[in-house]
N, C-alpha and C. Protein backbone atom coordinates (compact mmCIF):
# COMPACT_ATOMS: atom_id res chain seq x y z
N MET A 1 -37.74 76.67 -84.12
CA MET A 1 -38.04 75.73 -85.17
C MET A 1 -37.37 76.19 -86.46
N ARG A 2 -36.73 75.26 -87.12
CA ARG A 2 -35.99 75.56 -88.36
C ARG A 2 -36.92 75.45 -89.56
N VAL A 3 -36.86 76.43 -90.40
CA VAL A 3 -37.64 76.41 -91.64
C VAL A 3 -36.95 75.48 -92.62
N GLN A 4 -37.71 74.57 -93.21
CA GLN A 4 -37.13 73.63 -94.17
C GLN A 4 -36.84 74.33 -95.49
N ASP A 5 -35.73 73.90 -96.10
CA ASP A 5 -35.42 74.40 -97.44
C ASP A 5 -36.48 73.90 -98.40
N PRO A 6 -36.78 74.69 -99.41
CA PRO A 6 -37.77 74.23 -100.41
C PRO A 6 -37.22 73.03 -101.18
N THR A 7 -38.11 72.17 -101.61
CA THR A 7 -37.71 71.03 -102.43
C THR A 7 -37.30 71.53 -103.81
N ASP A 8 -36.68 70.65 -104.57
CA ASP A 8 -36.33 70.99 -105.95
C ASP A 8 -37.58 71.35 -106.74
N GLU A 9 -38.64 70.61 -106.52
CA GLU A 9 -39.87 70.83 -107.26
C GLU A 9 -40.47 72.20 -106.91
N GLU A 10 -40.43 72.57 -105.62
CA GLU A 10 -40.94 73.88 -105.21
C GLU A 10 -40.08 74.99 -105.82
N LEU A 11 -38.77 74.79 -105.82
CA LEU A 11 -37.88 75.78 -106.43
C LEU A 11 -38.17 75.91 -107.92
N MET A 12 -38.41 74.78 -108.59
CA MET A 12 -38.66 74.82 -110.03
C MET A 12 -39.96 75.56 -110.32
N GLU A 13 -40.95 75.37 -109.48
CA GLU A 13 -42.20 76.12 -109.67
C GLU A 13 -41.96 77.62 -109.50
N GLN A 14 -41.06 77.99 -108.58
CA GLN A 14 -40.70 79.39 -108.41
C GLN A 14 -39.95 79.91 -109.64
N VAL A 15 -39.09 79.06 -110.19
CA VAL A 15 -38.37 79.44 -111.42
C VAL A 15 -39.38 79.70 -112.54
N GLN A 16 -40.36 78.83 -112.67
CA GLN A 16 -41.37 79.01 -113.70
C GLN A 16 -42.15 80.30 -113.51
N ALA A 17 -42.24 80.75 -112.26
CA ALA A 17 -42.94 82.00 -111.97
C ALA A 17 -42.03 83.22 -112.14
N GLY A 18 -40.75 82.98 -112.54
CA GLY A 18 -39.85 84.09 -112.81
C GLY A 18 -38.84 84.40 -111.72
N ASN A 19 -38.73 83.57 -110.71
CA ASN A 19 -37.81 83.80 -109.59
C ASN A 19 -36.41 83.29 -109.96
N GLU A 20 -35.51 84.20 -110.30
CA GLU A 20 -34.15 83.82 -110.69
C GLU A 20 -33.34 83.32 -109.51
N ARG A 21 -33.65 83.79 -108.29
CA ARG A 21 -32.94 83.28 -107.11
C ARG A 21 -33.22 81.79 -106.91
N ALA A 22 -34.41 81.37 -107.25
CA ALA A 22 -34.73 79.95 -107.15
C ALA A 22 -33.89 79.14 -108.14
N PHE A 23 -33.67 79.69 -109.32
CA PHE A 23 -32.82 79.00 -110.30
C PHE A 23 -31.39 78.90 -109.77
N THR A 24 -30.90 79.97 -109.17
CA THR A 24 -29.56 79.97 -108.58
C THR A 24 -29.47 78.91 -107.48
N ALA A 25 -30.51 78.79 -106.68
CA ALA A 25 -30.53 77.78 -105.61
C ALA A 25 -30.48 76.37 -106.19
N LEU A 26 -31.23 76.12 -107.26
CA LEU A 26 -31.17 74.81 -107.92
C LEU A 26 -29.79 74.55 -108.50
N PHE A 27 -29.22 75.57 -109.12
CA PHE A 27 -27.88 75.44 -109.69
C PHE A 27 -26.88 75.08 -108.59
N GLU A 28 -26.90 75.80 -107.50
CA GLU A 28 -25.96 75.54 -106.40
C GLU A 28 -26.16 74.15 -105.80
N ARG A 29 -27.39 73.74 -105.68
CA ARG A 29 -27.71 72.44 -105.09
C ARG A 29 -27.23 71.29 -105.95
N HIS A 30 -27.29 71.44 -107.27
CA HIS A 30 -27.00 70.33 -108.18
C HIS A 30 -25.69 70.47 -108.95
N ARG A 31 -24.96 71.56 -108.72
CA ARG A 31 -23.73 71.81 -109.48
C ARG A 31 -22.73 70.68 -109.35
N ALA A 32 -22.35 70.32 -108.14
CA ALA A 32 -21.29 69.31 -107.95
C ALA A 32 -21.69 67.93 -108.48
N PRO A 33 -22.86 67.40 -108.11
CA PRO A 33 -23.18 66.06 -108.63
C PRO A 33 -23.34 66.03 -110.14
N LEU A 34 -23.92 67.07 -110.71
CA LEU A 34 -24.12 67.09 -112.16
C LEU A 34 -22.78 67.20 -112.90
N TYR A 35 -21.91 68.07 -112.41
CA TYR A 35 -20.60 68.20 -113.05
C TYR A 35 -19.81 66.90 -112.93
N GLY A 36 -19.88 66.26 -111.76
CA GLY A 36 -19.19 64.97 -111.58
C GLY A 36 -19.69 63.93 -112.57
N PHE A 37 -20.99 63.91 -112.79
CA PHE A 37 -21.57 62.96 -113.74
C PHE A 37 -21.07 63.22 -115.16
N VAL A 38 -21.16 64.46 -115.62
CA VAL A 38 -20.76 64.74 -117.01
C VAL A 38 -19.26 64.58 -117.19
N LEU A 39 -18.48 64.85 -116.16
CA LEU A 39 -17.03 64.66 -116.26
C LEU A 39 -16.69 63.18 -116.40
N ARG A 40 -17.36 62.34 -115.64
CA ARG A 40 -17.10 60.90 -115.75
C ARG A 40 -17.59 60.34 -117.08
N MET A 41 -18.61 60.95 -117.65
CA MET A 41 -19.12 60.47 -118.93
C MET A 41 -18.23 60.94 -120.09
N THR A 42 -17.77 62.18 -120.04
CA THR A 42 -16.97 62.71 -121.16
C THR A 42 -15.49 62.40 -121.01
N ARG A 43 -15.01 62.28 -119.76
CA ARG A 43 -13.62 62.01 -119.43
C ARG A 43 -12.68 63.13 -119.92
N GLU A 44 -13.22 64.31 -120.03
CA GLU A 44 -12.43 65.44 -120.51
C GLU A 44 -13.00 66.72 -119.89
N GLU A 45 -12.17 67.48 -119.21
CA GLU A 45 -12.66 68.65 -118.48
C GLU A 45 -13.36 69.68 -119.38
N ALA A 46 -12.78 69.99 -120.51
CA ALA A 46 -13.38 71.00 -121.39
C ALA A 46 -14.75 70.53 -121.89
N ALA A 47 -14.85 69.28 -122.27
CA ALA A 47 -16.13 68.73 -122.73
C ALA A 47 -17.14 68.71 -121.59
N ALA A 48 -16.68 68.36 -120.40
CA ALA A 48 -17.57 68.32 -119.23
C ALA A 48 -18.13 69.71 -118.94
N GLU A 49 -17.27 70.70 -119.01
CA GLU A 49 -17.73 72.08 -118.76
C GLU A 49 -18.76 72.50 -119.80
N ASP A 50 -18.51 72.15 -121.05
CA ASP A 50 -19.47 72.48 -122.11
C ASP A 50 -20.81 71.78 -121.88
N CYS A 51 -20.78 70.49 -121.58
CA CYS A 51 -22.01 69.73 -121.36
C CYS A 51 -22.75 70.22 -120.12
N PHE A 52 -22.00 70.53 -119.08
CA PHE A 52 -22.58 71.04 -117.84
C PHE A 52 -23.31 72.36 -118.10
N GLN A 53 -22.63 73.27 -118.78
CA GLN A 53 -23.25 74.56 -119.09
C GLN A 53 -24.46 74.39 -120.00
N GLU A 54 -24.34 73.52 -120.98
CA GLU A 54 -25.45 73.28 -121.89
C GLU A 54 -26.65 72.72 -121.15
N ALA A 55 -26.40 71.84 -120.19
CA ALA A 55 -27.49 71.25 -119.41
C ALA A 55 -28.25 72.33 -118.64
N PHE A 56 -27.53 73.20 -117.95
CA PHE A 56 -28.23 74.23 -117.17
C PHE A 56 -28.87 75.29 -118.06
N LEU A 57 -28.26 75.59 -119.19
CA LEU A 57 -28.92 76.49 -120.13
C LEU A 57 -30.21 75.87 -120.66
N SER A 58 -30.16 74.58 -120.93
CA SER A 58 -31.36 73.90 -121.42
C SER A 58 -32.46 73.88 -120.36
N VAL A 59 -32.07 73.70 -119.10
CA VAL A 59 -33.05 73.75 -118.01
C VAL A 59 -33.73 75.11 -118.00
N HIS A 60 -32.94 76.15 -118.12
CA HIS A 60 -33.50 77.49 -118.08
C HIS A 60 -34.40 77.75 -119.29
N ARG A 61 -33.93 77.33 -120.47
CA ARG A 61 -34.72 77.54 -121.69
C ARG A 61 -36.02 76.74 -121.66
N ALA A 62 -35.97 75.54 -121.08
CA ALA A 62 -37.13 74.65 -121.09
C ALA A 62 -37.90 74.66 -119.77
N LYS A 63 -37.67 75.66 -118.96
CA LYS A 63 -38.28 75.68 -117.62
C LYS A 63 -39.79 75.56 -117.64
N GLN A 64 -40.44 76.10 -118.66
CA GLN A 64 -41.90 76.02 -118.70
C GLN A 64 -42.41 74.64 -119.11
N THR A 65 -41.54 73.79 -119.62
CA THR A 65 -41.97 72.45 -120.03
C THR A 65 -41.95 71.45 -118.88
N TRP A 66 -41.24 71.77 -117.80
CA TRP A 66 -41.19 70.85 -116.65
C TRP A 66 -42.52 70.87 -115.92
N ALA A 67 -42.97 69.70 -115.54
CA ALA A 67 -44.21 69.59 -114.76
C ALA A 67 -43.99 68.60 -113.64
N ARG A 68 -44.44 68.95 -112.45
CA ARG A 68 -44.27 68.09 -111.28
C ARG A 68 -44.84 66.70 -111.55
N SER A 69 -45.89 66.62 -112.33
CA SER A 69 -46.54 65.34 -112.61
C SER A 69 -45.68 64.43 -113.49
N SER A 70 -44.69 64.99 -114.18
CA SER A 70 -43.87 64.18 -115.08
C SER A 70 -42.67 63.57 -114.40
N GLY A 71 -42.49 63.79 -113.11
CA GLY A 71 -41.38 63.18 -112.39
C GLY A 71 -40.63 64.21 -111.56
N THR A 72 -39.54 63.75 -110.97
CA THR A 72 -38.76 64.64 -110.12
C THR A 72 -37.92 65.61 -110.94
N PHE A 73 -37.61 66.74 -110.35
CA PHE A 73 -36.73 67.68 -111.03
C PHE A 73 -35.38 67.04 -111.29
N ARG A 74 -34.87 66.29 -110.29
CA ARG A 74 -33.55 65.69 -110.41
C ARG A 74 -33.47 64.75 -111.60
N SER A 75 -34.48 63.90 -111.80
CA SER A 75 -34.43 62.98 -112.95
C SER A 75 -34.53 63.76 -114.25
N TRP A 76 -35.31 64.85 -114.28
CA TRP A 76 -35.41 65.70 -115.47
C TRP A 76 -34.06 66.36 -115.76
N LEU A 77 -33.41 66.86 -114.73
CA LEU A 77 -32.10 67.50 -114.88
C LEU A 77 -31.07 66.52 -115.43
N PHE A 78 -31.02 65.31 -114.86
CA PHE A 78 -30.05 64.33 -115.33
C PHE A 78 -30.38 63.84 -116.74
N ARG A 79 -31.67 63.82 -117.12
CA ARG A 79 -32.02 63.47 -118.51
C ARG A 79 -31.46 64.53 -119.45
N ILE A 80 -31.61 65.79 -119.09
CA ILE A 80 -31.08 66.88 -119.92
C ILE A 80 -29.56 66.77 -120.01
N ALA A 81 -28.91 66.50 -118.89
CA ALA A 81 -27.44 66.36 -118.89
C ALA A 81 -27.01 65.15 -119.72
N THR A 82 -27.74 64.05 -119.60
CA THR A 82 -27.43 62.86 -120.38
C THR A 82 -27.53 63.16 -121.87
N ASN A 83 -28.57 63.89 -122.25
CA ASN A 83 -28.72 64.26 -123.66
C ASN A 83 -27.61 65.19 -124.12
N ALA A 84 -27.17 66.10 -123.25
CA ALA A 84 -26.05 66.99 -123.61
C ALA A 84 -24.78 66.18 -123.84
N VAL A 85 -24.54 65.18 -122.99
CA VAL A 85 -23.36 64.33 -123.16
C VAL A 85 -23.48 63.51 -124.44
N ARG A 86 -24.65 62.94 -124.68
CA ARG A 86 -24.85 62.15 -125.90
C ARG A 86 -24.65 63.01 -127.15
N ASP A 87 -25.17 64.22 -127.14
CA ASP A 87 -24.96 65.14 -128.27
C ASP A 87 -23.48 65.41 -128.48
N HIS A 88 -22.77 65.65 -127.38
CA HIS A 88 -21.33 65.89 -127.47
C HIS A 88 -20.63 64.67 -128.07
N GLN A 89 -20.99 63.48 -127.60
CA GLN A 89 -20.35 62.26 -128.10
C GLN A 89 -20.65 62.05 -129.58
N ARG A 90 -21.85 62.37 -130.01
CA ARG A 90 -22.18 62.25 -131.45
C ARG A 90 -21.33 63.22 -132.27
N ARG A 91 -21.15 64.44 -131.76
CA ARG A 91 -20.31 65.40 -132.47
C ARG A 91 -18.86 64.91 -132.52
N GLN A 92 -18.40 64.25 -131.47
CA GLN A 92 -17.02 63.75 -131.45
C GLN A 92 -16.82 62.62 -132.44
N VAL A 93 -17.85 61.82 -132.67
CA VAL A 93 -17.75 60.73 -133.64
C VAL A 93 -17.54 61.31 -135.03
N ARG A 94 -18.22 62.40 -135.31
CA ARG A 94 -18.07 63.06 -136.61
C ARG A 94 -16.74 63.79 -136.71
N ARG A 95 -16.22 64.22 -135.59
CA ARG A 95 -14.98 65.01 -135.56
C ARG A 95 -14.10 64.45 -134.44
N PRO A 96 -13.43 63.30 -134.69
CA PRO A 96 -12.68 62.65 -133.62
C PRO A 96 -11.53 63.51 -133.10
N LEU A 97 -11.32 63.40 -131.80
CA LEU A 97 -10.24 64.10 -131.13
C LEU A 97 -9.04 63.17 -131.04
N VAL A 98 -7.89 63.62 -131.44
CA VAL A 98 -6.69 62.80 -131.37
C VAL A 98 -5.94 63.16 -130.10
N LEU A 99 -5.74 62.16 -129.24
CA LEU A 99 -5.01 62.38 -128.00
C LEU A 99 -3.62 61.76 -128.13
N LEU A 100 -2.63 62.44 -127.61
CA LEU A 100 -1.27 61.93 -127.68
C LEU A 100 -1.00 60.89 -126.61
N GLU A 101 -1.72 60.96 -125.50
CA GLU A 101 -1.59 59.96 -124.45
C GLU A 101 -2.93 59.82 -123.76
N GLU A 102 -3.10 58.67 -123.13
CA GLU A 102 -4.38 58.43 -122.44
C GLU A 102 -4.57 59.46 -121.34
N GLU A 103 -5.75 60.04 -121.30
CA GLU A 103 -6.06 61.03 -120.29
C GLU A 103 -7.09 60.49 -119.33
N LEU A 104 -6.93 60.78 -118.08
CA LEU A 104 -7.92 60.45 -117.07
C LEU A 104 -8.75 61.70 -116.82
N PRO A 105 -9.96 61.55 -116.27
CA PRO A 105 -10.82 62.71 -116.11
C PRO A 105 -10.28 63.76 -115.17
N LEU A 106 -9.53 63.39 -114.18
CA LEU A 106 -8.96 64.35 -113.24
C LEU A 106 -7.50 63.97 -113.00
N PRO A 107 -6.70 64.90 -112.52
CA PRO A 107 -5.30 64.56 -112.27
C PRO A 107 -5.17 63.35 -111.34
N VAL A 108 -4.27 62.45 -111.68
CA VAL A 108 -4.07 61.22 -110.93
C VAL A 108 -3.73 61.50 -109.47
N ARG A 109 -3.00 62.53 -109.19
CA ARG A 109 -2.56 62.79 -107.82
C ARG A 109 -3.72 63.12 -106.87
N ASP A 110 -4.89 63.43 -107.42
CA ASP A 110 -6.04 63.77 -106.58
C ASP A 110 -6.80 62.56 -106.08
N PHE A 111 -6.45 61.34 -106.52
CA PHE A 111 -7.21 60.15 -106.16
C PHE A 111 -6.36 59.16 -105.38
N PRO A 112 -6.96 58.56 -104.37
CA PRO A 112 -6.29 57.39 -103.79
C PRO A 112 -6.28 56.27 -104.84
N GLU A 113 -5.48 55.28 -104.65
CA GLU A 113 -5.32 54.21 -105.64
C GLU A 113 -6.65 53.52 -105.98
N GLU A 114 -7.50 53.26 -104.99
CA GLU A 114 -8.77 52.59 -105.24
C GLU A 114 -9.68 53.45 -106.12
N ARG A 115 -9.69 54.73 -105.86
CA ARG A 115 -10.53 55.64 -106.65
C ARG A 115 -10.05 55.67 -108.10
N LEU A 116 -8.74 55.70 -108.27
CA LEU A 116 -8.16 55.70 -109.61
C LEU A 116 -8.53 54.42 -110.35
N MET A 117 -8.48 53.30 -109.65
CA MET A 117 -8.86 52.03 -110.28
C MET A 117 -10.32 52.04 -110.70
N LEU A 118 -11.19 52.60 -109.86
CA LEU A 118 -12.61 52.68 -110.20
C LEU A 118 -12.82 53.60 -111.41
N GLU A 119 -12.13 54.74 -111.44
CA GLU A 119 -12.26 55.66 -112.58
C GLU A 119 -11.84 54.98 -113.88
N ARG A 120 -10.75 54.23 -113.82
CA ARG A 120 -10.29 53.52 -115.02
C ARG A 120 -11.29 52.45 -115.43
N ALA A 121 -11.84 51.74 -114.45
CA ALA A 121 -12.82 50.70 -114.76
C ALA A 121 -14.09 51.32 -115.36
N LEU A 122 -14.54 52.42 -114.79
CA LEU A 122 -15.72 53.11 -115.33
C LEU A 122 -15.50 53.53 -116.79
N ALA A 123 -14.30 53.97 -117.07
CA ALA A 123 -13.98 54.42 -118.43
C ALA A 123 -14.06 53.28 -119.44
N GLN A 124 -13.92 52.03 -118.96
CA GLN A 124 -13.98 50.88 -119.87
C GLN A 124 -15.41 50.41 -120.14
N LEU A 125 -16.36 50.88 -119.36
CA LEU A 125 -17.75 50.48 -119.58
C LEU A 125 -18.30 51.15 -120.83
N PRO A 126 -19.20 50.48 -121.55
CA PRO A 126 -19.88 51.15 -122.66
C PRO A 126 -20.66 52.35 -122.10
N PRO A 127 -20.80 53.42 -122.86
CA PRO A 127 -21.45 54.63 -122.34
C PRO A 127 -22.83 54.39 -121.73
N HIS A 128 -23.66 53.54 -122.34
CA HIS A 128 -25.01 53.34 -121.80
C HIS A 128 -24.98 52.66 -120.43
N LEU A 129 -23.99 51.81 -120.17
CA LEU A 129 -23.86 51.20 -118.84
C LEU A 129 -23.21 52.16 -117.85
N ARG A 130 -22.23 52.93 -118.33
CA ARG A 130 -21.56 53.89 -117.46
C ARG A 130 -22.55 54.95 -116.96
N GLU A 131 -23.39 55.47 -117.85
CA GLU A 131 -24.34 56.49 -117.41
C GLU A 131 -25.36 55.91 -116.44
N ALA A 132 -25.82 54.69 -116.67
CA ALA A 132 -26.78 54.06 -115.75
C ALA A 132 -26.14 53.84 -114.38
N PHE A 133 -24.91 53.35 -114.36
CA PHE A 133 -24.23 53.10 -113.08
C PHE A 133 -23.99 54.41 -112.34
N LEU A 134 -23.50 55.42 -113.04
CA LEU A 134 -23.21 56.69 -112.38
C LEU A 134 -24.47 57.32 -111.80
N LEU A 135 -25.54 57.33 -112.57
CA LEU A 135 -26.78 57.94 -112.09
C LEU A 135 -27.43 57.12 -110.99
N GLY A 136 -27.42 55.81 -111.13
CA GLY A 136 -28.08 54.95 -110.15
C GLY A 136 -27.25 54.71 -108.91
N ALA A 137 -26.08 54.16 -109.07
CA ALA A 137 -25.27 53.77 -107.92
C ALA A 137 -24.55 54.93 -107.27
N MET A 138 -24.09 55.89 -108.04
CA MET A 138 -23.28 56.96 -107.47
C MET A 138 -24.08 58.22 -107.17
N HIS A 139 -25.15 58.49 -107.93
CA HIS A 139 -25.93 59.70 -107.70
C HIS A 139 -27.28 59.40 -107.05
N GLY A 140 -27.55 58.13 -106.78
CA GLY A 140 -28.70 57.76 -105.98
C GLY A 140 -30.06 57.85 -106.65
N LEU A 141 -30.13 57.92 -107.96
CA LEU A 141 -31.44 57.91 -108.60
C LEU A 141 -32.03 56.51 -108.46
N ASP A 142 -33.29 56.43 -108.03
CA ASP A 142 -33.92 55.12 -107.95
C ASP A 142 -34.26 54.66 -109.37
N HIS A 143 -34.76 53.42 -109.50
CA HIS A 143 -34.98 52.88 -110.84
C HIS A 143 -35.99 53.69 -111.64
N ALA A 144 -37.00 54.22 -110.99
CA ALA A 144 -37.99 55.03 -111.71
C ALA A 144 -37.35 56.34 -112.19
N GLU A 145 -36.58 57.00 -111.33
CA GLU A 145 -35.91 58.24 -111.73
C GLU A 145 -34.88 57.96 -112.82
N LEU A 146 -34.15 56.86 -112.66
CA LEU A 146 -33.15 56.49 -113.65
C LEU A 146 -33.80 56.22 -115.00
N ALA A 147 -34.91 55.52 -114.98
CA ALA A 147 -35.64 55.25 -116.23
C ALA A 147 -36.07 56.55 -116.89
N GLU A 148 -36.55 57.48 -116.08
CA GLU A 148 -36.98 58.77 -116.62
C GLU A 148 -35.79 59.55 -117.17
N ALA A 149 -34.69 59.55 -116.43
CA ALA A 149 -33.50 60.31 -116.86
C ALA A 149 -32.92 59.78 -118.17
N LEU A 150 -32.99 58.45 -118.35
CA LEU A 150 -32.41 57.84 -119.54
C LEU A 150 -33.44 57.54 -120.63
N ASP A 151 -34.71 57.84 -120.33
CA ASP A 151 -35.80 57.61 -121.27
C ASP A 151 -35.87 56.13 -121.68
N ILE A 152 -35.84 55.26 -120.66
CA ILE A 152 -35.95 53.82 -120.84
C ILE A 152 -36.93 53.29 -119.80
N SER A 153 -37.26 52.01 -119.87
CA SER A 153 -38.16 51.42 -118.88
C SER A 153 -37.42 51.20 -117.56
N ALA A 154 -38.17 51.07 -116.47
CA ALA A 154 -37.56 50.82 -115.17
C ALA A 154 -36.84 49.47 -115.16
N ASP A 155 -37.40 48.48 -115.83
CA ASP A 155 -36.73 47.17 -115.92
C ASP A 155 -35.41 47.28 -116.65
N ASN A 156 -35.40 48.05 -117.74
CA ASN A 156 -34.17 48.25 -118.49
C ASN A 156 -33.15 49.01 -117.63
N ALA A 157 -33.60 49.99 -116.88
CA ALA A 157 -32.70 50.75 -115.99
C ALA A 157 -32.06 49.82 -114.97
N ARG A 158 -32.89 48.98 -114.34
CA ARG A 158 -32.39 48.03 -113.35
C ARG A 158 -31.37 47.08 -113.99
N ALA A 159 -31.67 46.61 -115.19
CA ALA A 159 -30.78 45.68 -115.89
C ALA A 159 -29.45 46.34 -116.24
N ARG A 160 -29.50 47.59 -116.68
CA ARG A 160 -28.26 48.28 -117.03
C ARG A 160 -27.35 48.47 -115.82
N VAL A 161 -27.93 48.85 -114.69
CA VAL A 161 -27.12 49.01 -113.47
C VAL A 161 -26.52 47.67 -113.08
N SER A 162 -27.31 46.63 -113.16
CA SER A 162 -26.83 45.30 -112.81
C SER A 162 -25.70 44.86 -113.74
N ARG A 163 -25.88 45.04 -115.04
CA ARG A 163 -24.83 44.67 -116.00
C ARG A 163 -23.56 45.49 -115.77
N ALA A 164 -23.74 46.76 -115.45
CA ALA A 164 -22.57 47.62 -115.19
C ALA A 164 -21.81 47.11 -113.97
N ARG A 165 -22.53 46.73 -112.92
CA ARG A 165 -21.86 46.20 -111.72
C ARG A 165 -21.09 44.91 -112.03
N VAL A 166 -21.72 44.03 -112.81
CA VAL A 166 -21.05 42.78 -113.18
C VAL A 166 -19.78 43.08 -113.96
N GLN A 167 -19.88 43.97 -114.95
CA GLN A 167 -18.70 44.29 -115.76
C GLN A 167 -17.62 44.99 -114.92
N LEU A 168 -18.03 45.86 -114.01
CA LEU A 168 -17.04 46.52 -113.15
C LEU A 168 -16.32 45.49 -112.28
N ARG A 169 -17.06 44.53 -111.72
CA ARG A 169 -16.42 43.49 -110.91
C ARG A 169 -15.41 42.72 -111.76
N GLN A 170 -15.79 42.41 -113.01
CA GLN A 170 -14.88 41.68 -113.89
C GLN A 170 -13.63 42.50 -114.19
N ILE A 171 -13.83 43.77 -114.50
CA ILE A 171 -12.69 44.64 -114.82
C ILE A 171 -11.79 44.80 -113.62
N LEU A 172 -12.38 45.08 -112.46
CA LEU A 172 -11.59 45.29 -111.25
C LEU A 172 -10.94 44.01 -110.77
N GLY A 173 -11.61 42.86 -111.03
CA GLY A 173 -11.02 41.57 -110.65
C GLY A 173 -9.80 41.23 -111.50
N ALA A 174 -9.79 41.70 -112.72
CA ALA A 174 -8.66 41.45 -113.63
C ALA A 174 -7.51 42.42 -113.38
N ALA A 175 -7.78 43.51 -112.68
CA ALA A 175 -6.75 44.55 -112.45
C ALA A 175 -5.74 44.12 -111.42
């Protein structure tokens, strides 16, 4: 009989009790999806790395504030990452970055043509719709988790994902 891996919530309770290996397990489990999310939101590798690191540092610093009753660990983690991205974007508004040419989030040669088209279409969405679509449609957060991650109502979360899909269809249809 195979022993089941602990859930995120069980690992987080272990982290709260001082188990650093549990934190490492959470980090390893969520590293790729979280980095993918912040990279698509920031569209810049250096900014994504900063936001990603800030998110996990914030998780560690705020570990005692997480409670199983307040929702899933995953929605809490993505809320922290979303706030890190929003903070980064606010700092960029105050200190705009001048780019000499349009940059895509990852080298073009790494994507098939369809993936590249989707990345470009995502980049055209307003940030609040892009984050809802990425978290809901691509990272699988249900409407309740999405609402918690974005600190909005479940109806608003559902509406944002829907509007993002409509706009993506329009953008991709025009391409």
